[in-house]
Every structure is written in C-alpha cells, then in structure tokens.
mmCIF file of all heavy atoms, coordinates in Angstrom:
data_MODEL
# 
_entry.id   MODEL 
# 
loop_
_atom_site.group_PDB 
_atom_site.id 
_atom_site.type_symbol 
_atom_site.label_atom_id 
_atom_site.label_alt_id 
_atom_site.label_comp_id 
_atom_site.label_asym_id 
_atom_site.label_entity_id 
_atom_site.label_seq_id 
_atom_site.pdbx_PDB_ins_code 
_atom_site.Cartn_x 
_atom_site.Cartn_y 
_atom_site.Cartn_z 
_atom_site.occupancy 
_atom_site.B_iso_or_equiv 
_atom_site.pdbx_formal_charge 
_atom_site.auth_seq_id 
_atom_site.auth_comp_id 
_atom_site.auth_asym_id 
_atom_site.auth_atom_id 
_atom_site.pdbx_PDB_model_num 
ATOM 1   N N   . VAL A 1 1  ? 0.602   -15.708 -3.424  1.00 0.00 ? 1  VAL A N   1 
ATOM 2   C CA  . VAL A 1 1  ? 1.465   -16.090 -4.564  1.00 0.00 ? 1  VAL A CA  1 
ATOM 3   C C   . VAL A 1 1  ? 2.916   -15.859 -4.192  1.00 0.00 ? 1  VAL A C   1 
ATOM 4   O O   . VAL A 1 1  ? 3.316   -14.881 -3.632  1.00 0.00 ? 1  VAL A O   1 
ATOM 5   C CB  . VAL A 1 1  ? 1.131   -15.169 -5.730  1.00 0.00 ? 1  VAL A CB  1 
ATOM 6   C CG1 . VAL A 1 1  ? 1.996   -15.537 -6.889  1.00 0.00 ? 1  VAL A CG1 1 
ATOM 7   C CG2 . VAL A 1 1  ? -0.333  -15.321 -6.122  1.00 0.00 ? 1  VAL A CG2 1 
ATOM 8   N N   . GLN A 1 2  ? 3.754   -16.872 -4.445  1.00 0.00 ? 2  GLN A N   1 
ATOM 9   C CA  . GLN A 1 2  ? 5.150   -16.784 -4.227  1.00 0.00 ? 2  GLN A CA  1 
ATOM 10  C C   . GLN A 1 2  ? 5.929   -17.191 -5.476  1.00 0.00 ? 2  GLN A C   1 
ATOM 11  O O   . GLN A 1 2  ? 5.638   -18.221 -6.062  1.00 0.00 ? 2  GLN A O   1 
ATOM 12  C CB  . GLN A 1 2  ? 5.540   -17.749 -3.067  1.00 0.00 ? 2  GLN A CB  1 
ATOM 13  C CG  . GLN A 1 2  ? 4.995   -17.324 -1.728  1.00 0.00 ? 2  GLN A CG  1 
ATOM 14  C CD  . GLN A 1 2  ? 5.325   -18.315 -0.650  1.00 0.00 ? 2  GLN A CD  1 
ATOM 15  O OE1 . GLN A 1 2  ? 5.213   -19.500 -0.822  1.00 0.00 ? 2  GLN A OE1 1 
ATOM 16  N NE2 . GLN A 1 2  ? 5.700   -17.803 0.485   1.00 0.00 ? 2  GLN A NE2 1 
ATOM 17  N N   . LYS A 1 3  ? 6.860   -16.363 -5.892  1.00 0.00 ? 3  LYS A N   1 
ATOM 18  C CA  . LYS A 1 3  ? 7.592   -16.673 -7.056  1.00 0.00 ? 3  LYS A CA  1 
ATOM 19  C C   . LYS A 1 3  ? 9.079   -16.443 -6.743  1.00 0.00 ? 3  LYS A C   1 
ATOM 20  O O   . LYS A 1 3  ? 9.366   -15.403 -6.108  1.00 0.00 ? 3  LYS A O   1 
ATOM 21  C CB  . LYS A 1 3  ? 7.219   -15.903 -8.246  1.00 0.00 ? 3  LYS A CB  1 
ATOM 22  C CG  . LYS A 1 3  ? 5.805   -16.209 -8.820  1.00 0.00 ? 3  LYS A CG  1 
ATOM 23  C CD  . LYS A 1 3  ? 5.582   -15.422 -10.089 1.00 0.00 ? 3  LYS A CD  1 
ATOM 24  C CE  . LYS A 1 3  ? 4.115   -15.735 -10.599 1.00 0.00 ? 3  LYS A CE  1 
ATOM 25  N NZ  . LYS A 1 3  ? 4.103   -17.136 -11.158 1.00 0.00 ? 3  LYS A NZ  1 
ATOM 26  N N   . GLU A 1 4  ? 9.928   -17.258 -7.077  1.00 0.00 ? 4  GLU A N   1 
ATOM 27  C CA  . GLU A 1 4  ? 11.370  -17.099 -6.843  1.00 0.00 ? 4  GLU A CA  1 
ATOM 28  C C   . GLU A 1 4  ? 12.185  -17.699 -7.913  1.00 0.00 ? 4  GLU A C   1 
ATOM 29  O O   . GLU A 1 4  ? 11.747  -18.654 -8.641  1.00 0.00 ? 4  GLU A O   1 
ATOM 30  C CB  . GLU A 1 4  ? 11.788  -17.706 -5.451  1.00 0.00 ? 4  GLU A CB  1 
ATOM 31  C CG  . GLU A 1 4  ? 11.412  -19.194 -5.353  1.00 0.00 ? 4  GLU A CG  1 
ATOM 32  C CD  . GLU A 1 4  ? 11.674  -19.670 -3.887  1.00 0.00 ? 4  GLU A CD  1 
ATOM 33  O OE1 . GLU A 1 4  ? 11.988  -18.874 -3.053  1.00 0.00 ? 4  GLU A OE1 1 
ATOM 34  O OE2 . GLU A 1 4  ? 11.505  -20.920 -3.686  1.00 0.00 ? 4  GLU A OE2 1 
ATOM 35  N N   . ILE A 1 5  ? 13.378  -17.160 -8.199  1.00 0.00 ? 5  ILE A N   1 
ATOM 36  C CA  . ILE A 1 5  ? 14.275  -17.630 -9.191  1.00 0.00 ? 5  ILE A CA  1 
ATOM 37  C C   . ILE A 1 5  ? 15.170  -18.737 -8.614  1.00 0.00 ? 5  ILE A C   1 
ATOM 38  O O   . ILE A 1 5  ? 15.826  -18.508 -7.567  1.00 0.00 ? 5  ILE A O   1 
ATOM 39  C CB  . ILE A 1 5  ? 15.149  -16.574 -9.818  1.00 0.00 ? 5  ILE A CB  1 
ATOM 40  C CG1 . ILE A 1 5  ? 14.286  -15.442 -10.449 1.00 0.00 ? 5  ILE A CG1 1 
ATOM 41  C CG2 . ILE A 1 5  ? 16.056  -17.041 -10.870 1.00 0.00 ? 5  ILE A CG2 1 
ATOM 42  C CD1 . ILE A 1 5  ? 15.003  -14.199 -10.948 1.00 0.00 ? 5  ILE A CD1 1 
ATOM 43  N N   . CYS A 1 6  ? 15.246  -19.921 -9.252  1.00 0.00 ? 6  CYS A N   1 
ATOM 44  C CA  . CYS A 1 6  ? 16.033  -21.015 -8.816  1.00 0.00 ? 6  CYS A CA  1 
ATOM 45  C C   . CYS A 1 6  ? 17.117  -21.259 -9.830  1.00 0.00 ? 6  CYS A C   1 
ATOM 46  O O   . CYS A 1 6  ? 16.888  -21.018 -11.027 1.00 0.00 ? 6  CYS A O   1 
ATOM 47  C CB  . CYS A 1 6  ? 15.223  -22.256 -8.673  1.00 0.00 ? 6  CYS A CB  1 
ATOM 48  S SG  . CYS A 1 6  ? 13.860  -22.112 -7.387  1.00 0.00 ? 6  CYS A SG  1 
ATOM 49  N N   . TYR A 1 7  ? 18.240  -21.762 -9.377  1.00 0.00 ? 7  TYR A N   1 
ATOM 50  C CA  . TYR A 1 7  ? 19.394  -21.953 -10.282 1.00 0.00 ? 7  TYR A CA  1 
ATOM 51  C C   . TYR A 1 7  ? 19.826  -23.408 -10.302 1.00 0.00 ? 7  TYR A C   1 
ATOM 52  O O   . TYR A 1 7  ? 19.799  -24.140 -9.260  1.00 0.00 ? 7  TYR A O   1 
ATOM 53  C CB  . TYR A 1 7  ? 20.629  -21.104 -9.805  1.00 0.00 ? 7  TYR A CB  1 
ATOM 54  C CG  . TYR A 1 7  ? 20.253  -19.624 -9.788  1.00 0.00 ? 7  TYR A CG  1 
ATOM 55  C CD1 . TYR A 1 7  ? 19.915  -18.993 -8.567  1.00 0.00 ? 7  TYR A CD1 1 
ATOM 56  C CD2 . TYR A 1 7  ? 20.282  -18.845 -10.952 1.00 0.00 ? 7  TYR A CD2 1 
ATOM 57  C CE1 . TYR A 1 7  ? 19.569  -17.692 -8.574  1.00 0.00 ? 7  TYR A CE1 1 
ATOM 58  C CE2 . TYR A 1 7  ? 20.008  -17.494 -10.914 1.00 0.00 ? 7  TYR A CE2 1 
ATOM 59  C CZ  . TYR A 1 7  ? 19.625  -16.865 -9.718  1.00 0.00 ? 7  TYR A CZ  1 
ATOM 60  O OH  . TYR A 1 7  ? 19.304  -15.577 -9.752  1.00 0.00 ? 7  TYR A OH  1 
ATOM 61  N N   . PHE A 1 8  ? 20.258  -23.848 -11.482 1.00 0.00 ? 8  PHE A N   1 
ATOM 62  C CA  . PHE A 1 8  ? 20.616  -25.263 -11.688 1.00 0.00 ? 8  PHE A CA  1 
ATOM 63  C C   . PHE A 1 8  ? 21.880  -25.300 -12.607 1.00 0.00 ? 8  PHE A C   1 
ATOM 64  O O   . PHE A 1 8  ? 22.101  -24.485 -13.422 1.00 0.00 ? 8  PHE A O   1 
ATOM 65  C CB  . PHE A 1 8  ? 19.490  -26.011 -12.397 1.00 0.00 ? 8  PHE A CB  1 
ATOM 66  C CG  . PHE A 1 8  ? 18.181  -25.953 -11.693 1.00 0.00 ? 8  PHE A CG  1 
ATOM 67  C CD1 . PHE A 1 8  ? 17.296  -24.927 -11.912 1.00 0.00 ? 8  PHE A CD1 1 
ATOM 68  C CD2 . PHE A 1 8  ? 17.833  -26.958 -10.755 1.00 0.00 ? 8  PHE A CD2 1 
ATOM 69  C CE1 . PHE A 1 8  ? 16.089  -24.863 -11.174 1.00 0.00 ? 8  PHE A CE1 1 
ATOM 70  C CE2 . PHE A 1 8  ? 16.657  -26.908 -10.043 1.00 0.00 ? 8  PHE A CE2 1 
ATOM 71  C CZ  . PHE A 1 8  ? 15.809  -25.897 -10.227 1.00 0.00 ? 8  PHE A CZ  1 
ATOM 72  N N   . THR A 1 9  ? 22.677  -26.404 -12.358 1.00 0.00 ? 9  THR A N   1 
ATOM 73  C CA  . THR A 1 9  ? 23.750  -26.716 -13.328 1.00 0.00 ? 9  THR A CA  1 
ATOM 74  C C   . THR A 1 9  ? 23.188  -27.256 -14.596 1.00 0.00 ? 9  THR A C   1 
ATOM 75  O O   . THR A 1 9  ? 21.965  -27.649 -14.629 1.00 0.00 ? 9  THR A O   1 
ATOM 76  C CB  . THR A 1 9  ? 24.726  -27.662 -12.674 1.00 0.00 ? 9  THR A CB  1 
ATOM 77  O OG1 . THR A 1 9  ? 24.089  -28.912 -12.583 1.00 0.00 ? 9  THR A OG1 1 
ATOM 78  C CG2 . THR A 1 9  ? 25.213  -27.191 -11.317 1.00 0.00 ? 9  THR A CG2 1 
ATOM 79  N N   . GLN A 1 10 ? 23.992  -27.356 -15.608 1.00 0.00 ? 10 GLN A N   1 
ATOM 80  C CA  . GLN A 1 10 ? 23.504  -27.993 -16.849 1.00 0.00 ? 10 GLN A CA  1 
ATOM 81  C C   . GLN A 1 10 ? 23.289  -29.509 -16.722 1.00 0.00 ? 10 GLN A C   1 
ATOM 82  O O   . GLN A 1 10 ? 22.741  -30.153 -17.686 1.00 0.00 ? 10 GLN A O   1 
ATOM 83  C CB  . GLN A 1 10 ? 24.426  -27.683 -17.983 1.00 0.00 ? 10 GLN A CB  1 
ATOM 84  C CG  . GLN A 1 10 ? 24.515  -26.155 -18.326 1.00 0.00 ? 10 GLN A CG  1 
ATOM 85  C CD  . GLN A 1 10 ? 25.339  -25.874 -19.497 1.00 0.00 ? 10 GLN A CD  1 
ATOM 86  O OE1 . GLN A 1 10 ? 25.612  -26.678 -20.412 1.00 0.00 ? 10 GLN A OE1 1 
ATOM 87  N NE2 . GLN A 1 10 ? 25.848  -24.622 -19.543 1.00 0.00 ? 10 GLN A NE2 1 
ATOM 88  N N   . GLU A 1 11 ? 23.557  -30.052 -15.574 1.00 0.00 ? 11 GLU A N   1 
ATOM 89  C CA  . GLU A 1 11 ? 23.227  -31.452 -15.298 1.00 0.00 ? 11 GLU A CA  1 
ATOM 90  C C   . GLU A 1 11 ? 22.047  -31.611 -14.373 1.00 0.00 ? 11 GLU A C   1 
ATOM 91  O O   . GLU A 1 11 ? 21.831  -32.656 -13.792 1.00 0.00 ? 11 GLU A O   1 
ATOM 92  C CB  . GLU A 1 11 ? 24.455  -32.225 -14.793 1.00 0.00 ? 11 GLU A CB  1 
ATOM 93  C CG  . GLU A 1 11 ? 25.638  -32.246 -15.769 1.00 0.00 ? 11 GLU A CG  1 
ATOM 94  C CD  . GLU A 1 11 ? 25.264  -32.804 -17.084 1.00 0.00 ? 11 GLU A CD  1 
ATOM 95  O OE1 . GLU A 1 11 ? 24.472  -33.825 -17.134 1.00 0.00 ? 11 GLU A OE1 1 
ATOM 96  O OE2 . GLU A 1 11 ? 25.687  -32.252 -18.127 1.00 0.00 ? 11 GLU A OE2 1 
ATOM 97  N N   . GLY A 1 12 ? 21.343  -30.471 -14.127 1.00 0.00 ? 12 GLY A N   1 
ATOM 98  C CA  . GLY A 1 12 ? 20.084  -30.577 -13.330 1.00 0.00 ? 12 GLY A CA  1 
ATOM 99  C C   . GLY A 1 12 ? 20.309  -30.551 -11.803 1.00 0.00 ? 12 GLY A C   1 
ATOM 100 O O   . GLY A 1 12 ? 19.391  -30.828 -11.128 1.00 0.00 ? 12 GLY A O   1 
ATOM 101 N N   . GLN A 1 13 ? 21.435  -30.056 -11.351 1.00 0.00 ? 13 GLN A N   1 
ATOM 102 C CA  . GLN A 1 13 ? 21.697  -30.053 -9.916  1.00 0.00 ? 13 GLN A CA  1 
ATOM 103 C C   . GLN A 1 13 ? 21.378  -28.625 -9.383  1.00 0.00 ? 13 GLN A C   1 
ATOM 104 O O   . GLN A 1 13 ? 21.897  -27.665 -9.957  1.00 0.00 ? 13 GLN A O   1 
ATOM 105 C CB  . GLN A 1 13 ? 23.073  -30.375 -9.603  1.00 0.00 ? 13 GLN A CB  1 
ATOM 106 C CG  . GLN A 1 13 ? 23.523  -31.823 -9.974  1.00 0.00 ? 13 GLN A CG  1 
ATOM 107 C CD  . GLN A 1 13 ? 22.676  -32.837 -9.223  1.00 0.00 ? 13 GLN A CD  1 
ATOM 108 O OE1 . GLN A 1 13 ? 22.500  -32.738 -8.002  1.00 0.00 ? 13 GLN A OE1 1 
ATOM 109 N NE2 . GLN A 1 13 ? 22.187  -33.846 -9.981  1.00 0.00 ? 13 GLN A NE2 1 
ATOM 110 N N   . PRO A 1 14 ? 20.510  -28.531 -8.377  1.00 0.00 ? 14 PRO A N   1 
ATOM 111 C CA  . PRO A 1 14 ? 20.197  -27.174 -7.854  1.00 0.00 ? 14 PRO A CA  1 
ATOM 112 C C   . PRO A 1 14 ? 21.510  -26.559 -7.259  1.00 0.00 ? 14 PRO A C   1 
ATOM 113 O O   . PRO A 1 14 ? 22.338  -27.267 -6.718  1.00 0.00 ? 14 PRO A O   1 
ATOM 114 C CB  . PRO A 1 14 ? 19.192  -27.483 -6.688  1.00 0.00 ? 14 PRO A CB  1 
ATOM 115 C CG  . PRO A 1 14 ? 18.622  -28.797 -6.989  1.00 0.00 ? 14 PRO A CG  1 
ATOM 116 C CD  . PRO A 1 14 ? 19.741  -29.506 -7.721  1.00 0.00 ? 14 PRO A CD  1 
ATOM 117 N N   . THR A 1 15 ? 21.682  -25.275 -7.440  1.00 0.00 ? 15 THR A N   1 
ATOM 118 C CA  . THR A 1 15 ? 22.831  -24.602 -6.851  1.00 0.00 ? 15 THR A CA  1 
ATOM 119 C C   . THR A 1 15 ? 22.478  -23.208 -6.436  1.00 0.00 ? 15 THR A C   1 
ATOM 120 O O   . THR A 1 15 ? 21.520  -22.583 -6.988  1.00 0.00 ? 15 THR A O   1 
ATOM 121 C CB  . THR A 1 15 ? 23.931  -24.584 -7.954  1.00 0.00 ? 15 THR A CB  1 
ATOM 122 O OG1 . THR A 1 15 ? 25.117  -23.978 -7.368  1.00 0.00 ? 15 THR A OG1 1 
ATOM 123 C CG2 . THR A 1 15 ? 23.551  -23.759 -9.160  1.00 0.00 ? 15 THR A CG2 1 
ATOM 124 N N   . GLY A 1 16 ? 23.152  -22.729 -5.460  1.00 0.00 ? 16 GLY A N   1 
ATOM 125 C CA  . GLY A 1 16 ? 22.907  -21.371 -4.992  1.00 0.00 ? 16 GLY A CA  1 
ATOM 126 C C   . GLY A 1 16 ? 21.627  -21.249 -4.131  1.00 0.00 ? 16 GLY A C   1 
ATOM 127 O O   . GLY A 1 16 ? 21.034  -22.243 -3.893  1.00 0.00 ? 16 GLY A O   1 
ATOM 128 N N   . THR A 1 17 ? 21.222  -20.064 -3.873  1.00 0.00 ? 17 THR A N   1 
ATOM 129 C CA  . THR A 1 17 ? 20.086  -19.814 -3.039  1.00 0.00 ? 17 THR A CA  1 
ATOM 130 C C   . THR A 1 17 ? 18.928  -19.157 -3.910  1.00 0.00 ? 17 THR A C   1 
ATOM 131 O O   . THR A 1 17 ? 19.248  -18.203 -4.624  1.00 0.00 ? 17 THR A O   1 
ATOM 132 C CB  . THR A 1 17 ? 20.431  -18.818 -1.916  1.00 0.00 ? 17 THR A CB  1 
ATOM 133 O OG1 . THR A 1 17 ? 21.440  -19.377 -1.101  1.00 0.00 ? 17 THR A OG1 1 
ATOM 134 C CG2 . THR A 1 17 ? 19.212  -18.550 -0.982  1.00 0.00 ? 17 THR A CG2 1 
ATOM 135 N N   . PRO A 1 18 ? 17.735  -19.655 -3.863  1.00 0.00 ? 18 PRO A N   1 
ATOM 136 C CA  . PRO A 1 18 ? 16.654  -19.095 -4.625  1.00 0.00 ? 18 PRO A CA  1 
ATOM 137 C C   . PRO A 1 18 ? 16.414  -17.615 -4.238  1.00 0.00 ? 18 PRO A C   1 
ATOM 138 O O   . PRO A 1 18 ? 16.616  -17.240 -3.098  1.00 0.00 ? 18 PRO A O   1 
ATOM 139 C CB  . PRO A 1 18 ? 15.473  -19.923 -4.299  1.00 0.00 ? 18 PRO A CB  1 
ATOM 140 C CG  . PRO A 1 18 ? 16.023  -21.251 -3.813  1.00 0.00 ? 18 PRO A CG  1 
ATOM 141 C CD  . PRO A 1 18 ? 17.306  -20.860 -3.155  1.00 0.00 ? 18 PRO A CD  1 
ATOM 142 N N   . VAL A 1 19 ? 16.052  -16.821 -5.206  1.00 0.00 ? 19 VAL A N   1 
ATOM 143 C CA  . VAL A 1 19 ? 15.856  -15.373 -4.989  1.00 0.00 ? 19 VAL A CA  1 
ATOM 144 C C   . VAL A 1 19 ? 14.398  -15.042 -5.131  1.00 0.00 ? 19 VAL A C   1 
ATOM 145 O O   . VAL A 1 19 ? 13.772  -15.363 -6.137  1.00 0.00 ? 19 VAL A O   1 
ATOM 146 C CB  . VAL A 1 19 ? 16.653  -14.523 -6.017  1.00 0.00 ? 19 VAL A CB  1 
ATOM 147 C CG1 . VAL A 1 19 ? 16.449  -13.066 -5.836  1.00 0.00 ? 19 VAL A CG1 1 
ATOM 148 C CG2 . VAL A 1 19 ? 18.174  -14.863 -5.935  1.00 0.00 ? 19 VAL A CG2 1 
ATOM 149 N N   . ASP A 1 20 ? 13.804  -14.442 -4.095  1.00 0.00 ? 20 ASP A N   1 
ATOM 150 C CA  . ASP A 1 20 ? 12.370  -14.087 -4.086  1.00 0.00 ? 20 ASP A CA  1 
ATOM 151 C C   . ASP A 1 20 ? 12.132  -13.017 -5.185  1.00 0.00 ? 20 ASP A C   1 
ATOM 152 O O   . ASP A 1 20 ? 12.967  -12.081 -5.269  1.00 0.00 ? 20 ASP A O   1 
ATOM 153 C CB  . ASP A 1 20 ? 11.881  -13.562 -2.723  1.00 0.00 ? 20 ASP A CB  1 
ATOM 154 C CG  . ASP A 1 20 ? 11.751  -14.685 -1.728  1.00 0.00 ? 20 ASP A CG  1 
ATOM 155 O OD1 . ASP A 1 20 ? 11.605  -15.853 -2.147  1.00 0.00 ? 20 ASP A OD1 1 
ATOM 156 O OD2 . ASP A 1 20 ? 11.835  -14.381 -0.525  1.00 0.00 ? 20 ASP A OD2 1 
ATOM 157 N N   . ILE A 1 21 ? 11.063  -13.100 -5.857  1.00 0.00 ? 21 ILE A N   1 
ATOM 158 C CA  . ILE A 1 21 ? 10.611  -12.069 -6.890  1.00 0.00 ? 21 ILE A CA  1 
ATOM 159 C C   . ILE A 1 21 ? 9.616   -11.212 -6.213  1.00 0.00 ? 21 ILE A C   1 
ATOM 160 O O   . ILE A 1 21 ? 9.733   -10.014 -6.145  1.00 0.00 ? 21 ILE A O   1 
ATOM 161 C CB  . ILE A 1 21 ? 10.180  -12.705 -8.208  1.00 0.00 ? 21 ILE A CB  1 
ATOM 162 C CG1 . ILE A 1 21 ? 11.276  -13.591 -8.779  1.00 0.00 ? 21 ILE A CG1 1 
ATOM 163 C CG2 . ILE A 1 21 ? 9.770   -11.602 -9.142  1.00 0.00 ? 21 ILE A CG2 1 
ATOM 164 C CD1 . ILE A 1 21 ? 10.839  -14.299 -10.037 1.00 0.00 ? 21 ILE A CD1 1 
ATOM 165 N N   . PHE A 1 22 ? 8.493   -11.780 -5.867  1.00 0.00 ? 22 PHE A N   1 
ATOM 166 C CA  . PHE A 1 22 ? 7.415   -11.034 -5.143  1.00 0.00 ? 22 PHE A CA  1 
ATOM 167 C C   . PHE A 1 22 ? 6.544   -11.981 -4.406  1.00 0.00 ? 22 PHE A C   1 
ATOM 168 O O   . PHE A 1 22 ? 6.529   -13.142 -4.675  1.00 0.00 ? 22 PHE A O   1 
ATOM 169 C CB  . PHE A 1 22 ? 6.644   -10.171 -6.163  1.00 0.00 ? 22 PHE A CB  1 
ATOM 170 C CG  . PHE A 1 22 ? 5.863   -10.950 -7.136  1.00 0.00 ? 22 PHE A CG  1 
ATOM 171 C CD1 . PHE A 1 22 ? 4.581   -11.524 -6.844  1.00 0.00 ? 22 PHE A CD1 1 
ATOM 172 C CD2 . PHE A 1 22 ? 6.388   -11.128 -8.368  1.00 0.00 ? 22 PHE A CD2 1 
ATOM 173 C CE1 . PHE A 1 22 ? 3.887   -12.164 -7.795  1.00 0.00 ? 22 PHE A CE1 1 
ATOM 174 C CE2 . PHE A 1 22 ? 5.658   -11.921 -9.354  1.00 0.00 ? 22 PHE A CE2 1 
ATOM 175 C CZ  . PHE A 1 22 ? 4.428   -12.425 -9.012  1.00 0.00 ? 22 PHE A CZ  1 
ATOM 176 N N   . GLU A 1 23 ? 5.838   -11.430 -3.500  1.00 0.00 ? 23 GLU A N   1 
ATOM 177 C CA  . GLU A 1 23 ? 4.923   -12.246 -2.644  1.00 0.00 ? 23 GLU A CA  1 
ATOM 178 C C   . GLU A 1 23 ? 3.732   -11.388 -2.256  1.00 0.00 ? 23 GLU A C   1 
ATOM 179 O O   . GLU A 1 23 ? 3.557   -10.986 -1.129  1.00 0.00 ? 23 GLU A O   1 
ATOM 180 C CB  . GLU A 1 23 ? 5.617   -12.778 -1.416  1.00 0.00 ? 23 GLU A CB  1 
ATOM 181 C CG  . GLU A 1 23 ? 4.762   -13.743 -0.519  1.00 0.00 ? 23 GLU A CG  1 
ATOM 182 C CD  . GLU A 1 23 ? 5.568   -14.277 0.594   1.00 0.00 ? 23 GLU A CD  1 
ATOM 183 O OE1 . GLU A 1 23 ? 6.836   -14.286 0.566   1.00 0.00 ? 23 GLU A OE1 1 
ATOM 184 O OE2 . GLU A 1 23 ? 4.988   -14.662 1.589   1.00 0.00 ? 23 GLU A OE2 1 
ATOM 185 N N   . PRO A 1 24 ? 2.861   -11.095 -3.256  1.00 0.00 ? 24 PRO A N   1 
ATOM 186 C CA  . PRO A 1 24 ? 1.682   -10.235 -2.962  1.00 0.00 ? 24 PRO A CA  1 
ATOM 187 C C   . PRO A 1 24 ? 0.708   -10.919 -2.052  1.00 0.00 ? 24 PRO A C   1 
ATOM 188 O O   . PRO A 1 24 ? 0.500   -12.123 -2.120  1.00 0.00 ? 24 PRO A O   1 
ATOM 189 C CB  . PRO A 1 24 ? 1.078   -9.879  -4.311  1.00 0.00 ? 24 PRO A CB  1 
ATOM 190 C CG  . PRO A 1 24 ? 1.490   -11.057 -5.148  1.00 0.00 ? 24 PRO A CG  1 
ATOM 191 C CD  . PRO A 1 24 ? 2.883   -11.497 -4.653  1.00 0.00 ? 24 PRO A CD  1 
ATOM 192 N N   . ASP A 1 25 ? 0.013   -10.161 -1.222  1.00 0.00 ? 25 ASP A N   1 
ATOM 193 C CA  . ASP A 1 25 ? -1.048  -10.662 -0.339  1.00 0.00 ? 25 ASP A CA  1 
ATOM 194 C C   . ASP A 1 25 ? -2.342  -10.653 -1.081  1.00 0.00 ? 25 ASP A C   1 
ATOM 195 O O   . ASP A 1 25 ? -2.887  -9.548  -1.364  1.00 0.00 ? 25 ASP A O   1 
ATOM 196 C CB  . ASP A 1 25 ? -1.122  -9.931  0.948   1.00 0.00 ? 25 ASP A CB  1 
ATOM 197 C CG  . ASP A 1 25 ? -2.128  -10.459 1.870   1.00 0.00 ? 25 ASP A CG  1 
ATOM 198 O OD1 . ASP A 1 25 ? -2.734  -11.542 1.589   1.00 0.00 ? 25 ASP A OD1 1 
ATOM 199 O OD2 . ASP A 1 25 ? -2.310  -9.914  3.015   1.00 0.00 ? 25 ASP A OD2 1 
ATOM 200 N N   . ILE A 1 26 ? -2.978  -11.708 -1.441  1.00 0.00 ? 26 ILE A N   1 
ATOM 201 C CA  . ILE A 1 26 ? -4.242  -11.734 -2.102  1.00 0.00 ? 26 ILE A CA  1 
ATOM 202 C C   . ILE A 1 26 ? -5.352  -12.289 -1.188  1.00 0.00 ? 26 ILE A C   1 
ATOM 203 O O   . ILE A 1 26 ? -6.421  -12.640 -1.689  1.00 0.00 ? 26 ILE A O   1 
ATOM 204 C CB  . ILE A 1 26 ? -4.170  -12.620 -3.394  1.00 0.00 ? 26 ILE A CB  1 
ATOM 205 C CG1 . ILE A 1 26 ? -3.862  -14.061 -3.044  1.00 0.00 ? 26 ILE A CG1 1 
ATOM 206 C CG2 . ILE A 1 26 ? -3.194  -12.064 -4.386  1.00 0.00 ? 26 ILE A CG2 1 
ATOM 207 C CD1 . ILE A 1 26 ? -3.997  -15.055 -4.216  1.00 0.00 ? 26 ILE A CD1 1 
ATOM 208 N N   . SER A 1 27 ? -5.096  -12.309 0.086   1.00 0.00 ? 27 SER A N   1 
ATOM 209 C CA  . SER A 1 27 ? -6.079  -12.901 1.033   1.00 0.00 ? 27 SER A CA  1 
ATOM 210 C C   . SER A 1 27 ? -7.432  -12.167 0.992   1.00 0.00 ? 27 SER A C   1 
ATOM 211 O O   . SER A 1 27 ? -8.451  -12.795 1.296   1.00 0.00 ? 27 SER A O   1 
ATOM 212 C CB  . SER A 1 27 ? -5.584  -12.920 2.427   1.00 0.00 ? 27 SER A CB  1 
ATOM 213 O OG  . SER A 1 27 ? -5.231  -11.625 2.835   1.00 0.00 ? 27 SER A OG  1 
ATOM 214 N N   . SER A 1 28 ? -7.459  -10.892 0.647   1.00 0.00 ? 28 SER A N   1 
ATOM 215 C CA  . SER A 1 28 ? -8.713  -10.194 0.623   1.00 0.00 ? 28 SER A CA  1 
ATOM 216 C C   . SER A 1 28 ? -9.243  -9.884  -0.730  1.00 0.00 ? 28 SER A C   1 
ATOM 217 O O   . SER A 1 28 ? -10.225 -9.165  -0.928  1.00 0.00 ? 28 SER A O   1 
ATOM 218 C CB  . SER A 1 28 ? -8.554  -8.854  1.409   1.00 0.00 ? 28 SER A CB  1 
ATOM 219 O OG  . SER A 1 28 ? -7.587  -8.078  0.770   1.00 0.00 ? 28 SER A OG  1 
ATOM 220 N N   . SER A 1 29 ? -8.643  -10.418 -1.756  1.00 0.00 ? 29 SER A N   1 
ATOM 221 C CA  . SER A 1 29 ? -8.965  -10.097 -3.174  1.00 0.00 ? 29 SER A CA  1 
ATOM 222 C C   . SER A 1 29 ? -10.133 -10.960 -3.718  1.00 0.00 ? 29 SER A C   1 
ATOM 223 O O   . SER A 1 29 ? -10.712 -10.673 -4.695  1.00 0.00 ? 29 SER A O   1 
ATOM 224 C CB  . SER A 1 29 ? -7.777  -10.266 -4.104  1.00 0.00 ? 29 SER A CB  1 
ATOM 225 O OG  . SER A 1 29 ? -7.470  -11.638 -4.219  1.00 0.00 ? 29 SER A OG  1 
ATOM 226 N N   . GLY A 1 30 ? -10.437 -12.080 -3.034  1.00 0.00 ? 30 GLY A N   1 
ATOM 227 C CA  . GLY A 1 30 ? -11.448 -13.041 -3.511  1.00 0.00 ? 30 GLY A CA  1 
ATOM 228 C C   . GLY A 1 30 ? -10.988 -13.946 -4.487  1.00 0.00 ? 30 GLY A C   1 
ATOM 229 O O   . GLY A 1 30 ? -11.700 -14.777 -5.031  1.00 0.00 ? 30 GLY A O   1 
# 
C-alpha cells in the first residue's frame, strides 16, 4: 500500500513534490 499527498493549483495543475504518508508491507498478511 502506498499513499502520498499530492498538491494542485485551483486550475488543476500539479505542483510541488508529493509527500509519502506510509508504505506498510503487507506481503505476508494474506
């Protein structure tokens, strides 16, 4: 699972660098 915060202008243009929130390893969880 990967989640990150992305930023946009009010006209829908991506801006800045996405910030990772978390990336848990679920490979052994089933």
